[in-house]
Amino acid sequence: MNLEAAEEYGALLFTEKEVKLILTKEPNTVENAILKGQLLTEATIRKVIIEQAKNGSSEAQKIVLKWQNQIKISKIR
C-alpha cells in the first residue's frame, strides 16, 4: 500500500476501509470495482469542498465537519 496516497485520501476524510478499497489495485468483485470508481469521483469533489472550506465557505466547512464526525462514529463502531 502506498502510504503517501493513503495519507492523501485520509486527508480527504475517507474512512480506513474506504482508503483501502481506493488503493486496491484490482478489486475482487464488480461491486467493489463500482464502489472504487464512485469513491474516486467523490475524492475529486471532496478536494474542491475542502479547498472551499479553507477559503472560508461556511457551507463547505459544515460539510467537512460532517465528514469528520462520520469518521469518528465509524471508529467507535
N, C-alpha and C. Protein backbone atom coordinates (compact mmCIF):
# COMPACT_ATOMS: atom_id res chain seq x y z
N MET A 1 0.85 -1.18 0.00
CA MET A 1 0.00 0.00 0.00
C MET A 1 0.89 1.24 0.00
N ASN A 2 0.56 2.18 -0.81
CA ASN A 2 1.29 3.44 -0.90
C ASN A 2 0.87 4.34 0.27
N LEU A 3 1.76 4.54 1.23
CA LEU A 3 1.42 5.31 2.42
C LEU A 3 1.14 6.78 2.10
N GLU A 4 1.84 7.31 1.14
CA GLU A 4 1.61 8.71 0.75
C GLU A 4 0.19 8.88 0.20
N ALA A 5 -0.23 7.96 -0.63
CA ALA A 5 -1.59 8.01 -1.19
C ALA A 5 -2.61 7.79 -0.08
N ALA A 6 -2.32 6.88 0.85
CA ALA A 6 -3.23 6.63 1.97
C ALA A 6 -3.40 7.89 2.79
N GLU A 7 -2.31 8.61 3.01
CA GLU A 7 -2.37 9.86 3.76
C GLU A 7 -3.21 10.91 3.01
N GLU A 8 -3.04 10.96 1.70
CA GLU A 8 -3.79 11.92 0.88
C GLU A 8 -5.30 11.66 0.98
N TYR A 9 -5.70 10.40 0.87
CA TYR A 9 -7.13 10.07 0.97
C TYR A 9 -7.63 10.23 2.40
N GLY A 10 -6.77 9.98 3.37
CA GLY A 10 -7.14 10.22 4.76
C GLY A 10 -7.40 11.70 5.00
N ALA A 11 -6.59 12.55 4.37
CA ALA A 11 -6.79 14.00 4.50
C ALA A 11 -8.10 14.45 3.86
N LEU A 12 -8.61 13.63 2.94
CA LEU A 12 -9.91 13.92 2.33
C LEU A 12 -11.06 13.34 3.17
N LEU A 13 -10.70 12.83 4.34
CA LEU A 13 -11.65 12.35 5.33
C LEU A 13 -12.41 11.10 4.92
N PHE A 14 -11.72 10.21 4.20
CA PHE A 14 -12.28 8.90 3.92
C PHE A 14 -11.96 7.99 5.08
N THR A 15 -12.80 7.00 5.32
CA THR A 15 -12.55 6.03 6.38
C THR A 15 -11.40 5.11 5.97
N GLU A 16 -10.87 4.38 6.93
CA GLU A 16 -9.79 3.44 6.64
C GLU A 16 -10.24 2.40 5.62
N LYS A 17 -11.45 1.90 5.78
CA LYS A 17 -11.98 0.90 4.85
C LYS A 17 -12.09 1.48 3.43
N GLU A 18 -12.55 2.72 3.32
CA GLU A 18 -12.67 3.35 2.01
C GLU A 18 -11.30 3.56 1.36
N VAL A 19 -10.33 3.99 2.17
CA VAL A 19 -8.97 4.20 1.65
C VAL A 19 -8.40 2.89 1.14
N LYS A 20 -8.58 1.82 1.89
CA LYS A 20 -8.07 0.52 1.46
C LYS A 20 -8.68 0.11 0.13
N LEU A 21 -9.97 0.35 -0.05
CA LEU A 21 -10.62 0.00 -1.30
C LEU A 21 -10.11 0.87 -2.45
N ILE A 22 -9.98 2.16 -2.20
CA ILE A 22 -9.48 3.08 -3.23
C ILE A 22 -8.10 2.64 -3.70
N LEU A 23 -7.25 2.20 -2.78
CA LEU A 23 -5.87 1.86 -3.11
C LEU A 23 -5.68 0.42 -3.60
N THR A 24 -6.77 -0.35 -3.62
CA THR A 24 -6.70 -1.71 -4.13
C THR A 24 -6.41 -1.67 -5.62
N LYS A 25 -5.38 -2.39 -6.04
CA LYS A 25 -5.00 -2.40 -7.46
C LYS A 25 -6.12 -2.98 -8.32
N GLU A 26 -6.61 -4.15 -7.93
CA GLU A 26 -7.67 -4.81 -8.69
C GLU A 26 -8.75 -5.30 -7.73
N PRO A 27 -9.88 -4.57 -7.67
CA PRO A 27 -10.97 -5.02 -6.79
C PRO A 27 -11.40 -6.44 -7.14
N ASN A 28 -11.81 -7.19 -6.13
CA ASN A 28 -12.11 -8.62 -6.33
C ASN A 28 -13.54 -8.90 -6.79
N THR A 29 -14.40 -7.89 -6.81
CA THR A 29 -15.77 -8.08 -7.29
C THR A 29 -16.19 -6.88 -8.12
N VAL A 30 -17.24 -7.08 -8.88
CA VAL A 30 -17.80 -5.98 -9.68
C VAL A 30 -18.29 -4.88 -8.74
N GLU A 31 -18.92 -5.28 -7.65
CA GLU A 31 -19.45 -4.31 -6.69
C GLU A 31 -18.32 -3.43 -6.13
N ASN A 32 -17.19 -4.05 -5.78
CA ASN A 32 -16.06 -3.29 -5.25
C ASN A 32 -15.46 -2.37 -6.33
N ALA A 33 -15.44 -2.84 -7.57
CA ALA A 33 -14.92 -2.02 -8.66
C ALA A 33 -15.81 -0.77 -8.86
N ILE A 34 -17.12 -0.98 -8.80
CA ILE A 34 -18.05 0.14 -8.93
C ILE A 34 -17.87 1.11 -7.76
N LEU A 35 -17.80 0.57 -6.55
CA LEU A 35 -17.62 1.41 -5.38
C LEU A 35 -16.31 2.19 -5.44
N LYS A 36 -15.25 1.54 -5.90
CA LYS A 36 -13.96 2.22 -6.04
C LYS A 36 -14.09 3.40 -6.99
N GLY A 37 -14.75 3.21 -8.11
CA GLY A 37 -14.96 4.29 -9.07
C GLY A 37 -15.75 5.44 -8.46
N GLN A 38 -16.78 5.09 -7.71
CA GLN A 38 -17.59 6.12 -7.04
C GLN A 38 -16.77 6.90 -6.02
N LEU A 39 -15.93 6.18 -5.28
CA LEU A 39 -15.09 6.84 -4.27
C LEU A 39 -14.06 7.76 -4.92
N LEU A 40 -13.52 7.36 -6.06
CA LEU A 40 -12.56 8.21 -6.76
C LEU A 40 -13.22 9.49 -7.26
N THR A 41 -14.45 9.39 -7.73
CA THR A 41 -15.20 10.59 -8.14
C THR A 41 -15.47 11.47 -6.92
N GLU A 42 -15.85 10.84 -5.83
CA GLU A 42 -16.10 11.58 -4.60
C GLU A 42 -14.83 12.28 -4.11
N ALA A 43 -13.68 11.66 -4.30
CA ALA A 43 -12.41 12.27 -3.88
C ALA A 43 -12.19 13.59 -4.60
N THR A 44 -12.50 13.62 -5.88
CA THR A 44 -12.36 14.85 -6.66
C THR A 44 -13.26 15.94 -6.10
N ILE A 45 -14.47 15.58 -5.76
CA ILE A 45 -15.42 16.54 -5.20
C ILE A 45 -14.97 17.01 -3.83
N ARG A 46 -14.50 16.07 -3.00
CA ARG A 46 -14.04 16.42 -1.65
C ARG A 46 -12.87 17.39 -1.69
N LYS A 47 -11.97 17.22 -2.65
CA LYS A 47 -10.84 18.15 -2.76
C LYS A 47 -11.34 19.57 -2.94
N VAL A 48 -12.33 19.75 -3.79
CA VAL A 48 -12.89 21.08 -4.06
C VAL A 48 -13.57 21.63 -2.80
N ILE A 49 -14.37 20.81 -2.15
CA ILE A 49 -15.10 21.26 -0.96
C ILE A 49 -14.14 21.62 0.16
N ILE A 50 -13.11 20.82 0.37
CA ILE A 50 -12.13 21.12 1.42
C ILE A 50 -11.39 22.41 1.11
N GLU A 51 -11.07 22.63 -0.14
CA GLU A 51 -10.40 23.88 -0.53
C GLU A 51 -11.32 25.07 -0.27
N GLN A 52 -12.61 24.93 -0.58
CA GLN A 52 -13.57 25.99 -0.31
C GLN A 52 -13.69 26.25 1.19
N ALA A 53 -13.67 25.18 1.98
CA ALA A 53 -13.74 25.33 3.45
C ALA A 53 -12.52 26.10 3.96
N LYS A 54 -11.36 25.80 3.42
CA LYS A 54 -10.14 26.51 3.83
C LYS A 54 -10.21 27.98 3.46
N ASN A 55 -10.95 28.29 2.39
CA ASN A 55 -11.08 29.67 1.94
C ASN A 55 -12.24 30.41 2.62
N GLY A 56 -12.87 29.75 3.60
CA GLY A 56 -13.86 30.42 4.43
C GLY A 56 -15.32 30.17 4.10
N SER A 57 -15.63 29.28 3.19
CA SER A 57 -17.02 28.97 2.87
C SER A 57 -17.67 28.25 4.06
N SER A 58 -18.67 28.87 4.66
CA SER A 58 -19.30 28.26 5.83
C SER A 58 -20.05 26.98 5.45
N GLU A 59 -20.66 26.94 4.28
CA GLU A 59 -21.34 25.72 3.84
C GLU A 59 -20.34 24.57 3.67
N ALA A 60 -19.21 24.86 3.05
CA ALA A 60 -18.18 23.84 2.88
C ALA A 60 -17.64 23.39 4.23
N GLN A 61 -17.47 24.32 5.15
CA GLN A 61 -16.97 23.97 6.49
C GLN A 61 -17.95 23.04 7.20
N LYS A 62 -19.25 23.27 7.03
CA LYS A 62 -20.25 22.39 7.63
C LYS A 62 -20.14 20.97 7.06
N ILE A 63 -19.93 20.88 5.76
CA ILE A 63 -19.80 19.57 5.12
C ILE A 63 -18.57 18.84 5.64
N VAL A 64 -17.45 19.56 5.75
CA VAL A 64 -16.21 18.95 6.24
C VAL A 64 -16.39 18.48 7.69
N LEU A 65 -17.04 19.27 8.51
CA LEU A 65 -17.29 18.86 9.90
C LEU A 65 -18.16 17.60 9.94
N LYS A 66 -19.13 17.51 9.05
CA LYS A 66 -19.98 16.32 8.97
C LYS A 66 -19.13 15.09 8.64
N TRP A 67 -18.22 15.24 7.68
CA TRP A 67 -17.35 14.11 7.32
C TRP A 67 -16.48 13.70 8.51
N GLN A 68 -15.96 14.69 9.24
CA GLN A 68 -15.12 14.38 10.40
C GLN A 68 -15.91 13.61 11.45
N ASN A 69 -17.15 14.02 11.67
CA ASN A 69 -17.99 13.33 12.64
C ASN A 69 -18.30 11.91 12.20
N GLN A 70 -18.51 11.71 10.91
CA GLN A 70 -18.79 10.36 10.40
C GLN A 70 -17.58 9.45 10.62
N ILE A 71 -16.39 9.98 10.45
CA ILE A 71 -15.17 9.18 10.67
C ILE A 71 -15.07 8.79 12.14
N LYS A 72 -15.34 9.75 13.03
CA LYS A 72 -15.29 9.46 14.47
C LYS A 72 -16.28 8.37 14.83
N ILE A 73 -17.48 8.44 14.28
CA ILE A 73 -18.51 7.44 14.57
C ILE A 73 -18.09 6.08 14.04
N SER A 74 -17.51 6.03 12.83
CA SER A 74 -17.10 4.74 12.26
C SER A 74 -15.97 4.10 13.07
N LYS A 75 -15.13 4.90 13.71
CA LYS A 75 -14.07 4.35 14.54
C LYS A 75 -14.62 3.75 15.83
N ILE A 76 -15.72 4.30 16.31
CA ILE A 76 -16.33 3.82 17.55
C ILE A 76 -16.99 2.46 17.33
N ARG A 77 -17.55 2.25 16.15
CA ARG A 77 -18.28 1.01 15.85
C ARG A 77 -17.38 -0.16 15.72
